[in-house]
N, C-alpha and C. Protein backbone atom coordinates (compact mmCIF):
# COMPACT_ATOMS: atom_id res chain seq x y z
N UNK A 1 -30.86 -121.06 16.04
CA UNK A 1 -29.62 -121.78 15.90
C UNK A 1 -29.00 -121.56 14.53
N UNK A 2 -29.81 -121.38 13.50
CA UNK A 2 -29.30 -121.19 12.16
C UNK A 2 -28.52 -119.89 12.07
N UNK A 3 -28.97 -118.82 12.67
CA UNK A 3 -28.28 -117.54 12.64
C UNK A 3 -26.91 -117.65 13.31
N UNK A 4 -26.82 -118.37 14.42
CA UNK A 4 -25.56 -118.56 15.12
C UNK A 4 -24.60 -119.37 14.26
N UNK A 5 -25.08 -120.39 13.58
CA UNK A 5 -24.24 -121.19 12.70
C UNK A 5 -23.70 -120.34 11.55
N UNK A 6 -24.55 -119.52 10.96
CA UNK A 6 -24.12 -118.65 9.87
C UNK A 6 -23.07 -117.65 10.36
N UNK A 7 -23.26 -117.09 11.55
CA UNK A 7 -22.30 -116.15 12.10
C UNK A 7 -20.95 -116.83 12.31
N UNK A 8 -20.95 -118.01 12.86
CA UNK A 8 -19.70 -118.76 13.09
C UNK A 8 -19.00 -119.07 11.77
N UNK A 9 -19.75 -119.51 10.78
CA UNK A 9 -19.15 -119.81 9.48
C UNK A 9 -18.57 -118.56 8.84
N UNK A 10 -19.26 -117.44 8.98
CA UNK A 10 -18.77 -116.19 8.41
C UNK A 10 -17.47 -115.77 9.08
N UNK A 11 -17.42 -115.87 10.42
CA UNK A 11 -16.21 -115.51 11.14
C UNK A 11 -15.06 -116.43 10.81
N UNK A 12 -15.34 -117.72 10.67
CA UNK A 12 -14.28 -118.68 10.35
C UNK A 12 -13.75 -118.49 8.93
N UNK A 13 -14.57 -118.04 8.02
CA UNK A 13 -14.12 -117.89 6.63
C UNK A 13 -13.51 -116.52 6.35
N UNK A 14 -13.60 -115.59 7.28
CA UNK A 14 -13.03 -114.25 7.08
C UNK A 14 -11.51 -114.34 7.16
N UNK A 15 -10.79 -113.56 6.35
CA UNK A 15 -9.33 -113.57 6.42
C UNK A 15 -8.88 -113.01 7.76
N UNK A 16 -7.75 -113.50 8.27
CA UNK A 16 -7.27 -112.99 9.56
C UNK A 16 -6.84 -111.54 9.44
N UNK A 17 -7.00 -110.80 10.51
CA UNK A 17 -6.56 -109.42 10.55
C UNK A 17 -5.11 -109.41 11.02
N UNK A 18 -4.19 -109.22 10.08
CA UNK A 18 -2.77 -109.25 10.41
C UNK A 18 -2.24 -107.88 10.78
N UNK A 19 -3.07 -106.86 10.65
CA UNK A 19 -2.62 -105.51 10.94
C UNK A 19 -1.97 -104.85 9.72
N UNK A 20 -1.70 -105.64 8.67
CA UNK A 20 -1.09 -105.08 7.47
C UNK A 20 -2.14 -104.31 6.68
N UNK A 21 -1.72 -103.17 6.18
CA UNK A 21 -2.62 -102.38 5.36
C UNK A 21 -2.56 -102.89 3.93
N UNK A 22 -3.67 -102.91 3.25
CA UNK A 22 -3.62 -103.33 1.85
C UNK A 22 -2.80 -102.33 1.05
N UNK A 23 -2.07 -102.82 0.03
CA UNK A 23 -1.26 -101.91 -0.76
C UNK A 23 -2.18 -100.98 -1.55
N UNK A 24 -1.76 -99.77 -1.64
CA UNK A 24 -2.54 -98.76 -2.35
C UNK A 24 -1.76 -98.30 -3.56
N UNK A 25 -2.41 -97.57 -4.41
CA UNK A 25 -1.73 -96.99 -5.56
C UNK A 25 -0.67 -96.02 -5.04
N UNK A 26 0.43 -95.89 -5.76
CA UNK A 26 1.48 -94.98 -5.29
C UNK A 26 0.94 -93.56 -5.15
N UNK A 27 1.33 -92.87 -4.09
CA UNK A 27 0.90 -91.48 -3.96
C UNK A 27 1.39 -90.67 -5.16
N UNK A 28 0.53 -89.85 -5.67
CA UNK A 28 0.83 -89.09 -6.89
C UNK A 28 2.07 -88.22 -6.74
N UNK A 29 2.26 -87.58 -5.60
CA UNK A 29 3.40 -86.68 -5.42
C UNK A 29 4.72 -87.45 -5.46
N UNK A 30 4.77 -88.60 -4.82
CA UNK A 30 6.00 -89.40 -4.81
C UNK A 30 6.29 -89.94 -6.20
N UNK A 31 5.26 -90.40 -6.89
CA UNK A 31 5.45 -90.90 -8.26
C UNK A 31 5.94 -89.78 -9.17
N UNK A 32 5.38 -88.60 -9.03
CA UNK A 32 5.81 -87.46 -9.83
C UNK A 32 7.26 -87.10 -9.53
N UNK A 33 7.65 -87.19 -8.27
CA UNK A 33 9.03 -86.87 -7.89
C UNK A 33 10.01 -87.88 -8.49
N UNK A 34 9.66 -89.16 -8.45
CA UNK A 34 10.51 -90.20 -9.05
C UNK A 34 10.62 -89.97 -10.56
N UNK A 35 9.49 -89.70 -11.21
CA UNK A 35 9.51 -89.42 -12.65
C UNK A 35 10.38 -88.21 -12.97
N UNK A 36 10.30 -87.18 -12.15
CA UNK A 36 11.10 -85.97 -12.38
C UNK A 36 12.60 -86.28 -12.29
N UNK A 37 12.99 -87.09 -11.31
CA UNK A 37 14.41 -87.46 -11.17
C UNK A 37 14.86 -88.24 -12.40
N UNK A 38 14.09 -89.24 -12.80
CA UNK A 38 14.49 -90.05 -13.95
C UNK A 38 14.51 -89.23 -15.24
N UNK A 39 13.53 -88.36 -15.42
CA UNK A 39 13.51 -87.52 -16.62
C UNK A 39 14.71 -86.58 -16.65
N UNK A 40 15.05 -85.98 -15.51
CA UNK A 40 16.20 -85.08 -15.45
C UNK A 40 17.50 -85.85 -15.68
N UNK A 41 17.57 -87.05 -15.14
CA UNK A 41 18.75 -87.91 -15.32
C UNK A 41 18.98 -88.19 -16.81
N UNK A 42 17.92 -88.56 -17.51
CA UNK A 42 18.04 -88.80 -18.95
C UNK A 42 18.41 -87.51 -19.70
N UNK A 43 17.82 -86.38 -19.31
CA UNK A 43 18.15 -85.10 -19.95
C UNK A 43 19.62 -84.73 -19.72
N UNK A 44 20.12 -85.00 -18.51
CA UNK A 44 21.52 -84.69 -18.20
C UNK A 44 22.46 -85.47 -19.12
N UNK A 45 22.14 -86.71 -19.42
CA UNK A 45 22.97 -87.49 -20.36
C UNK A 45 22.88 -86.88 -21.75
N UNK A 46 21.68 -86.57 -22.20
CA UNK A 46 21.49 -86.00 -23.54
C UNK A 46 22.21 -84.67 -23.68
N UNK A 47 22.33 -83.92 -22.58
CA UNK A 47 23.01 -82.63 -22.59
C UNK A 47 24.48 -82.75 -22.21
N UNK A 48 24.95 -83.98 -22.00
CA UNK A 48 26.34 -84.26 -21.61
C UNK A 48 26.73 -83.51 -20.33
N UNK A 49 25.82 -83.45 -19.38
CA UNK A 49 26.07 -82.80 -18.09
C UNK A 49 26.45 -83.89 -17.09
N UNK A 50 27.73 -84.20 -17.07
CA UNK A 50 28.25 -85.30 -16.26
C UNK A 50 27.96 -85.12 -14.78
N UNK A 51 28.23 -83.95 -14.25
CA UNK A 51 28.03 -83.72 -12.81
C UNK A 51 26.57 -83.94 -12.42
N UNK A 52 25.65 -83.38 -13.20
CA UNK A 52 24.22 -83.54 -12.90
C UNK A 52 23.79 -85.00 -13.05
N UNK A 53 24.27 -85.65 -14.10
CA UNK A 53 23.91 -87.05 -14.35
C UNK A 53 24.31 -87.92 -13.15
N UNK A 54 25.55 -87.84 -12.73
CA UNK A 54 26.03 -88.72 -11.66
C UNK A 54 25.57 -88.30 -10.27
N UNK A 55 25.11 -87.05 -10.12
CA UNK A 55 24.54 -86.60 -8.84
C UNK A 55 23.23 -87.32 -8.54
N UNK A 56 22.61 -87.91 -9.54
CA UNK A 56 21.35 -88.62 -9.33
C UNK A 56 21.55 -90.03 -8.76
N UNK A 57 22.79 -90.48 -8.64
CA UNK A 57 23.08 -91.81 -8.10
C UNK A 57 23.40 -91.75 -6.61
N UNK A 58 23.11 -92.85 -5.90
CA UNK A 58 23.63 -93.01 -4.55
C UNK A 58 25.13 -93.30 -4.66
N UNK A 59 25.90 -93.07 -3.60
CA UNK A 59 27.34 -93.37 -3.67
C UNK A 59 27.63 -94.85 -3.96
N UNK A 60 26.75 -95.74 -3.52
CA UNK A 60 26.98 -97.17 -3.72
C UNK A 60 26.14 -97.76 -4.86
N UNK A 61 25.70 -96.90 -5.77
CA UNK A 61 24.83 -97.33 -6.87
C UNK A 61 25.55 -98.32 -7.80
N UNK A 62 24.74 -99.11 -8.49
CA UNK A 62 25.23 -100.07 -9.48
C UNK A 62 24.50 -99.81 -10.79
N UNK A 63 25.26 -99.82 -11.88
CA UNK A 63 24.71 -99.66 -13.23
C UNK A 63 25.01 -100.94 -14.00
N UNK A 64 23.96 -101.55 -14.53
CA UNK A 64 24.09 -102.76 -15.33
C UNK A 64 23.84 -102.39 -16.79
N UNK A 65 24.85 -102.55 -17.62
CA UNK A 65 24.72 -102.22 -19.04
C UNK A 65 24.21 -103.41 -19.83
N UNK A 66 24.17 -103.25 -21.13
CA UNK A 66 23.62 -104.28 -22.00
C UNK A 66 24.57 -105.45 -22.22
N UNK A 67 25.87 -105.25 -22.07
CA UNK A 67 26.84 -106.32 -22.21
C UNK A 67 26.96 -107.07 -20.88
N UNK A 68 27.15 -108.37 -20.94
CA UNK A 68 27.22 -109.18 -19.71
C UNK A 68 28.37 -108.74 -18.80
N UNK A 69 29.38 -108.08 -19.34
CA UNK A 69 30.52 -107.64 -18.53
C UNK A 69 30.27 -106.30 -17.85
N UNK A 70 29.18 -105.64 -18.18
CA UNK A 70 28.94 -104.29 -17.70
C UNK A 70 28.15 -104.26 -16.40
N UNK A 71 28.86 -104.48 -15.32
CA UNK A 71 28.31 -104.28 -13.97
C UNK A 71 29.27 -103.34 -13.26
N UNK A 72 28.83 -102.09 -13.15
CA UNK A 72 29.71 -101.05 -12.63
C UNK A 72 29.15 -100.42 -11.37
N UNK A 73 30.05 -100.08 -10.45
CA UNK A 73 29.67 -99.19 -9.37
C UNK A 73 29.49 -97.80 -9.98
N UNK A 74 28.94 -96.90 -9.24
CA UNK A 74 28.76 -95.53 -9.76
C UNK A 74 30.08 -94.96 -10.24
N UNK A 75 31.13 -95.12 -9.43
CA UNK A 75 32.42 -94.52 -9.79
C UNK A 75 33.06 -95.22 -10.99
N UNK A 76 32.92 -96.54 -11.09
CA UNK A 76 33.43 -97.26 -12.26
C UNK A 76 32.67 -96.83 -13.52
N UNK A 77 31.38 -96.67 -13.40
CA UNK A 77 30.58 -96.25 -14.54
C UNK A 77 30.96 -94.83 -14.95
N UNK A 78 31.19 -93.98 -13.98
CA UNK A 78 31.58 -92.60 -14.30
C UNK A 78 32.92 -92.57 -15.03
N UNK A 79 33.87 -93.40 -14.58
CA UNK A 79 35.17 -93.45 -15.26
C UNK A 79 35.01 -93.93 -16.70
N UNK A 80 34.15 -94.93 -16.91
CA UNK A 80 33.90 -95.43 -18.26
C UNK A 80 33.21 -94.36 -19.12
N UNK A 81 32.26 -93.66 -18.56
CA UNK A 81 31.45 -92.71 -19.31
C UNK A 81 32.11 -91.35 -19.50
N UNK A 82 33.09 -91.02 -18.67
CA UNK A 82 33.69 -89.68 -18.71
C UNK A 82 34.12 -89.23 -20.11
N UNK A 83 34.80 -90.06 -20.90
CA UNK A 83 35.20 -89.60 -22.24
C UNK A 83 34.03 -89.16 -23.11
N UNK A 84 32.88 -89.81 -22.98
CA UNK A 84 31.70 -89.42 -23.75
C UNK A 84 31.19 -88.05 -23.30
N UNK A 85 31.09 -87.87 -22.00
CA UNK A 85 30.63 -86.59 -21.47
C UNK A 85 31.63 -85.48 -21.81
N UNK A 86 32.93 -85.79 -21.74
CA UNK A 86 33.97 -84.79 -22.02
C UNK A 86 33.92 -84.32 -23.47
N UNK A 87 33.47 -85.17 -24.38
CA UNK A 87 33.34 -84.79 -25.80
C UNK A 87 32.06 -83.99 -26.06
N UNK A 88 31.22 -83.88 -25.02
CA UNK A 88 29.98 -83.14 -25.18
C UNK A 88 28.86 -83.94 -25.81
N UNK A 89 29.04 -85.26 -25.89
CA UNK A 89 28.03 -86.12 -26.52
C UNK A 89 27.97 -87.44 -25.74
N UNK A 90 27.00 -87.55 -24.86
CA UNK A 90 26.85 -88.82 -24.12
C UNK A 90 25.83 -89.66 -24.88
N UNK A 91 24.64 -89.87 -24.34
CA UNK A 91 23.62 -90.67 -25.00
C UNK A 91 22.27 -90.02 -24.78
N UNK A 92 21.33 -90.42 -25.62
CA UNK A 92 20.01 -89.81 -25.58
C UNK A 92 18.96 -90.91 -25.53
N UNK A 93 18.48 -91.19 -24.32
CA UNK A 93 17.43 -92.19 -24.11
C UNK A 93 16.13 -91.46 -23.83
N UNK A 94 15.11 -91.73 -24.61
CA UNK A 94 13.83 -91.06 -24.44
C UNK A 94 12.78 -92.07 -23.99
N UNK A 95 12.29 -91.93 -22.76
CA UNK A 95 11.25 -92.85 -22.29
C UNK A 95 9.92 -92.62 -23.02
N UNK A 96 9.30 -93.72 -23.45
CA UNK A 96 7.97 -93.61 -24.05
C UNK A 96 6.89 -94.10 -23.09
N UNK A 97 7.28 -94.88 -22.11
CA UNK A 97 6.36 -95.28 -21.03
C UNK A 97 7.19 -95.66 -19.82
N UNK A 98 6.56 -95.55 -18.66
CA UNK A 98 7.26 -95.89 -17.41
C UNK A 98 6.22 -96.32 -16.38
N UNK A 99 6.57 -97.32 -15.59
CA UNK A 99 5.75 -97.77 -14.47
C UNK A 99 6.57 -97.60 -13.20
N UNK A 100 5.99 -96.97 -12.20
CA UNK A 100 6.67 -96.72 -10.92
C UNK A 100 5.86 -97.36 -9.81
N UNK A 101 6.55 -98.05 -8.92
CA UNK A 101 5.93 -98.62 -7.72
C UNK A 101 6.69 -98.11 -6.50
N UNK A 102 5.99 -97.99 -5.37
CA UNK A 102 6.60 -97.50 -4.14
C UNK A 102 6.42 -98.51 -3.02
N UNK A 103 7.42 -98.54 -2.13
CA UNK A 103 7.28 -99.37 -0.94
C UNK A 103 6.22 -98.76 -0.04
N UNK A 104 5.70 -99.55 0.86
CA UNK A 104 4.64 -99.08 1.76
C UNK A 104 5.08 -97.89 2.61
N UNK A 105 6.38 -97.90 2.99
CA UNK A 105 6.85 -96.79 3.83
C UNK A 105 7.30 -95.59 3.01
N UNK A 106 7.26 -95.70 1.68
CA UNK A 106 7.57 -94.56 0.82
C UNK A 106 9.04 -94.21 0.70
N UNK A 107 9.94 -95.13 1.08
CA UNK A 107 11.37 -94.83 1.01
C UNK A 107 12.07 -95.52 -0.16
N UNK A 108 11.38 -96.43 -0.83
CA UNK A 108 11.94 -97.13 -1.99
C UNK A 108 10.97 -97.02 -3.16
N UNK A 109 11.54 -96.90 -4.34
CA UNK A 109 10.74 -96.92 -5.56
C UNK A 109 11.43 -97.82 -6.56
N UNK A 110 10.65 -98.54 -7.34
CA UNK A 110 11.23 -99.34 -8.42
C UNK A 110 10.41 -99.05 -9.66
N UNK A 111 11.05 -99.20 -10.80
CA UNK A 111 10.41 -98.78 -12.04
C UNK A 111 10.91 -99.62 -13.20
N UNK A 112 10.16 -99.56 -14.27
CA UNK A 112 10.62 -100.06 -15.56
C UNK A 112 10.14 -99.06 -16.60
N UNK A 113 10.95 -98.89 -17.64
CA UNK A 113 10.62 -97.92 -18.67
C UNK A 113 11.01 -98.44 -20.04
N UNK A 114 10.22 -98.08 -21.03
CA UNK A 114 10.51 -98.39 -22.42
C UNK A 114 11.23 -97.17 -22.99
N UNK A 115 12.35 -97.42 -23.66
CA UNK A 115 13.20 -96.33 -24.14
C UNK A 115 13.38 -96.37 -25.65
N UNK A 116 13.37 -95.21 -26.26
CA UNK A 116 13.80 -95.07 -27.64
C UNK A 116 15.24 -94.56 -27.59
N UNK A 117 16.13 -95.23 -28.32
CA UNK A 117 17.53 -94.82 -28.32
C UNK A 117 18.04 -94.82 -29.76
N UNK A 118 18.81 -93.80 -30.14
CA UNK A 118 19.32 -93.77 -31.51
C UNK A 118 20.36 -94.86 -31.79
N UNK A 119 21.14 -95.23 -30.77
CA UNK A 119 22.21 -96.19 -31.01
C UNK A 119 21.85 -97.64 -30.69
N UNK A 120 20.95 -97.89 -29.76
CA UNK A 120 20.59 -99.26 -29.38
C UNK A 120 19.29 -99.73 -30.01
N UNK A 121 18.48 -98.80 -30.48
CA UNK A 121 17.14 -99.14 -30.92
C UNK A 121 16.24 -99.23 -29.69
N UNK A 122 15.16 -99.98 -29.78
CA UNK A 122 14.27 -100.10 -28.62
C UNK A 122 15.02 -100.73 -27.44
N UNK A 123 14.86 -100.13 -26.29
CA UNK A 123 15.56 -100.62 -25.09
C UNK A 123 14.61 -100.55 -23.90
N UNK A 124 15.07 -101.13 -22.80
CA UNK A 124 14.29 -101.10 -21.56
C UNK A 124 15.25 -100.75 -20.42
N UNK A 125 14.78 -99.89 -19.56
CA UNK A 125 15.52 -99.59 -18.35
C UNK A 125 14.66 -99.97 -17.16
N UNK A 126 15.31 -100.43 -16.12
CA UNK A 126 14.60 -100.71 -14.87
C UNK A 126 15.55 -100.40 -13.74
N UNK A 127 14.99 -100.17 -12.57
CA UNK A 127 15.88 -99.85 -11.47
C UNK A 127 15.16 -99.58 -10.17
N UNK A 128 15.97 -99.14 -9.22
CA UNK A 128 15.52 -98.89 -7.85
C UNK A 128 16.03 -97.52 -7.43
N UNK A 129 15.16 -96.76 -6.80
CA UNK A 129 15.56 -95.49 -6.21
C UNK A 129 15.31 -95.56 -4.71
N UNK A 130 16.13 -94.86 -3.95
CA UNK A 130 15.94 -94.75 -2.51
C UNK A 130 15.78 -93.27 -2.17
N UNK A 131 15.02 -93.01 -1.14
CA UNK A 131 14.82 -91.64 -0.71
C UNK A 131 15.85 -91.34 0.38
N UNK A 132 16.75 -90.41 0.10
CA UNK A 132 17.81 -90.03 1.04
C UNK A 132 17.66 -88.55 1.37
N UNK A 133 17.43 -88.26 2.62
CA UNK A 133 17.27 -86.87 3.06
C UNK A 133 16.26 -86.12 2.21
N UNK A 134 15.14 -86.80 1.90
CA UNK A 134 14.06 -86.19 1.16
C UNK A 134 14.25 -86.13 -0.35
N UNK A 135 15.36 -86.69 -0.85
CA UNK A 135 15.66 -86.66 -2.28
C UNK A 135 15.75 -88.08 -2.82
N UNK A 136 15.13 -88.32 -3.97
CA UNK A 136 15.20 -89.63 -4.60
C UNK A 136 16.53 -89.78 -5.34
N UNK A 137 17.23 -90.90 -5.10
CA UNK A 137 18.51 -91.21 -5.74
C UNK A 137 18.44 -92.60 -6.35
N UNK A 138 19.09 -92.76 -7.48
CA UNK A 138 19.12 -94.06 -8.17
C UNK A 138 20.15 -94.96 -7.49
N UNK A 139 19.69 -96.10 -7.00
CA UNK A 139 20.57 -97.07 -6.36
C UNK A 139 20.98 -98.18 -7.33
N UNK A 140 20.13 -98.46 -8.30
CA UNK A 140 20.46 -99.45 -9.31
C UNK A 140 19.71 -99.12 -10.60
N UNK A 141 20.42 -99.29 -11.71
CA UNK A 141 19.80 -99.13 -13.02
C UNK A 141 20.24 -100.29 -13.89
N UNK A 142 19.30 -100.86 -14.62
CA UNK A 142 19.58 -101.98 -15.50
C UNK A 142 19.07 -101.64 -16.89
N UNK A 143 20.01 -101.50 -17.82
CA UNK A 143 19.66 -101.21 -19.21
C UNK A 143 19.68 -102.52 -19.99
N UNK A 144 18.62 -102.79 -20.72
CA UNK A 144 18.57 -104.03 -21.50
C UNK A 144 17.96 -103.76 -22.86
N UNK A 145 18.20 -104.69 -23.75
CA UNK A 145 17.62 -104.64 -25.09
C UNK A 145 16.67 -105.82 -25.20
N UNK A 146 15.38 -105.57 -25.18
CA UNK A 146 14.43 -106.68 -25.28
C UNK A 146 14.57 -107.37 -26.64
N UNK A 147 14.60 -108.68 -26.60
CA UNK A 147 14.74 -109.49 -27.82
C UNK A 147 13.39 -110.12 -28.11
N UNK A 148 12.83 -109.85 -29.29
CA UNK A 148 11.56 -110.48 -29.62
C UNK A 148 11.68 -112.00 -29.61
N UNK A 149 10.69 -112.67 -29.07
CA UNK A 149 10.73 -114.13 -28.99
C UNK A 149 10.94 -114.79 -30.34
N UNK A 150 10.42 -114.18 -31.41
CA UNK A 150 10.54 -114.78 -32.74
C UNK A 150 11.98 -114.84 -33.24
N UNK A 151 12.88 -114.00 -32.71
CA UNK A 151 14.28 -114.03 -33.16
C UNK A 151 15.23 -114.52 -32.07
N UNK A 152 14.68 -114.93 -30.95
CA UNK A 152 15.52 -115.35 -29.82
C UNK A 152 16.46 -116.49 -30.17
N UNK A 153 16.00 -117.50 -30.89
CA UNK A 153 16.86 -118.64 -31.23
C UNK A 153 18.08 -118.17 -32.03
N UNK A 154 17.87 -117.27 -32.98
CA UNK A 154 18.99 -116.76 -33.79
C UNK A 154 19.96 -115.95 -32.93
N UNK A 155 19.44 -115.10 -32.08
CA UNK A 155 20.29 -114.28 -31.21
C UNK A 155 21.07 -115.17 -30.25
N UNK A 156 20.41 -116.14 -29.67
CA UNK A 156 21.06 -117.07 -28.75
C UNK A 156 22.20 -117.82 -29.45
N UNK A 157 21.97 -118.28 -30.66
CA UNK A 157 23.00 -119.00 -31.42
C UNK A 157 24.19 -118.08 -31.69
N UNK A 158 23.92 -116.82 -32.03
CA UNK A 158 25.02 -115.88 -32.30
C UNK A 158 25.83 -115.60 -31.03
N UNK A 159 25.15 -115.48 -29.91
CA UNK A 159 25.86 -115.25 -28.64
C UNK A 159 26.71 -116.47 -28.29
N UNK A 160 26.14 -117.66 -28.43
CA UNK A 160 26.90 -118.88 -28.14
C UNK A 160 28.13 -118.99 -29.04
N UNK A 161 27.98 -118.66 -30.33
CA UNK A 161 29.12 -118.70 -31.25
C UNK A 161 30.17 -117.65 -30.86
N UNK A 162 29.71 -116.49 -30.48
CA UNK A 162 30.62 -115.43 -30.04
C UNK A 162 31.43 -115.90 -28.82
N UNK A 163 30.73 -116.46 -27.83
CA UNK A 163 31.41 -116.93 -26.62
C UNK A 163 32.39 -118.05 -26.94
N UNK A 164 32.02 -118.93 -27.84
CA UNK A 164 32.90 -120.04 -28.24
C UNK A 164 34.16 -119.50 -28.93
N UNK A 165 33.99 -118.55 -29.85
CA UNK A 165 35.14 -117.95 -30.54
C UNK A 165 36.03 -117.17 -29.58
N UNK A 166 35.41 -116.49 -28.64
CA UNK A 166 36.16 -115.69 -27.67
C UNK A 166 37.03 -116.59 -26.78
N UNK A 167 36.55 -117.80 -26.52
CA UNK A 167 37.27 -118.72 -25.63
C UNK A 167 38.45 -119.39 -26.32
N UNK A 168 38.51 -119.33 -27.64
CA UNK A 168 39.62 -119.97 -28.38
C UNK A 168 40.91 -119.19 -28.13
N UNK A 169 42.02 -119.93 -27.93
CA UNK A 169 43.33 -119.25 -27.76
C UNK A 169 43.66 -118.41 -28.99
N UNK A 170 44.27 -117.28 -28.76
CA UNK A 170 44.66 -116.40 -29.85
C UNK A 170 43.57 -115.46 -30.30
N UNK A 171 42.41 -115.52 -29.69
CA UNK A 171 41.31 -114.62 -30.08
C UNK A 171 41.23 -113.46 -29.11
């Protein structure tokens, strides 16, 4: 009787079989492909290759810049960025680390990366890529400037003062 009781307790305490596969580490080939797209995208900006840079986006992509007003569709972002590319000098973001995750079906990837930038200083990029016809395309990119917690109160106060001054008539 003791063996039967132990068997019943073991079966009752086992997790249910939902048919879901446990998540695995991203397949190396897909991760390498995502990294290659992002690396080429950054190189295209550094080389002021506008056509190559924007070819990495989906048609409905969104780019979020560091300013709260900077939420652009791909085409809006391209119109904003065109003068920089036309002068032959866009921007140069160099990733120092990146983490890539993939959906279970392998059609979505999301990432975050630490960036060195000459004009912004330390920055962070994150985003989502979708696989379209076997090619990874950027559907969303979010550029941010991480603020150290030790200076957050000062930065927050400056932003609040800026917003207050901006709201005054005549400013």
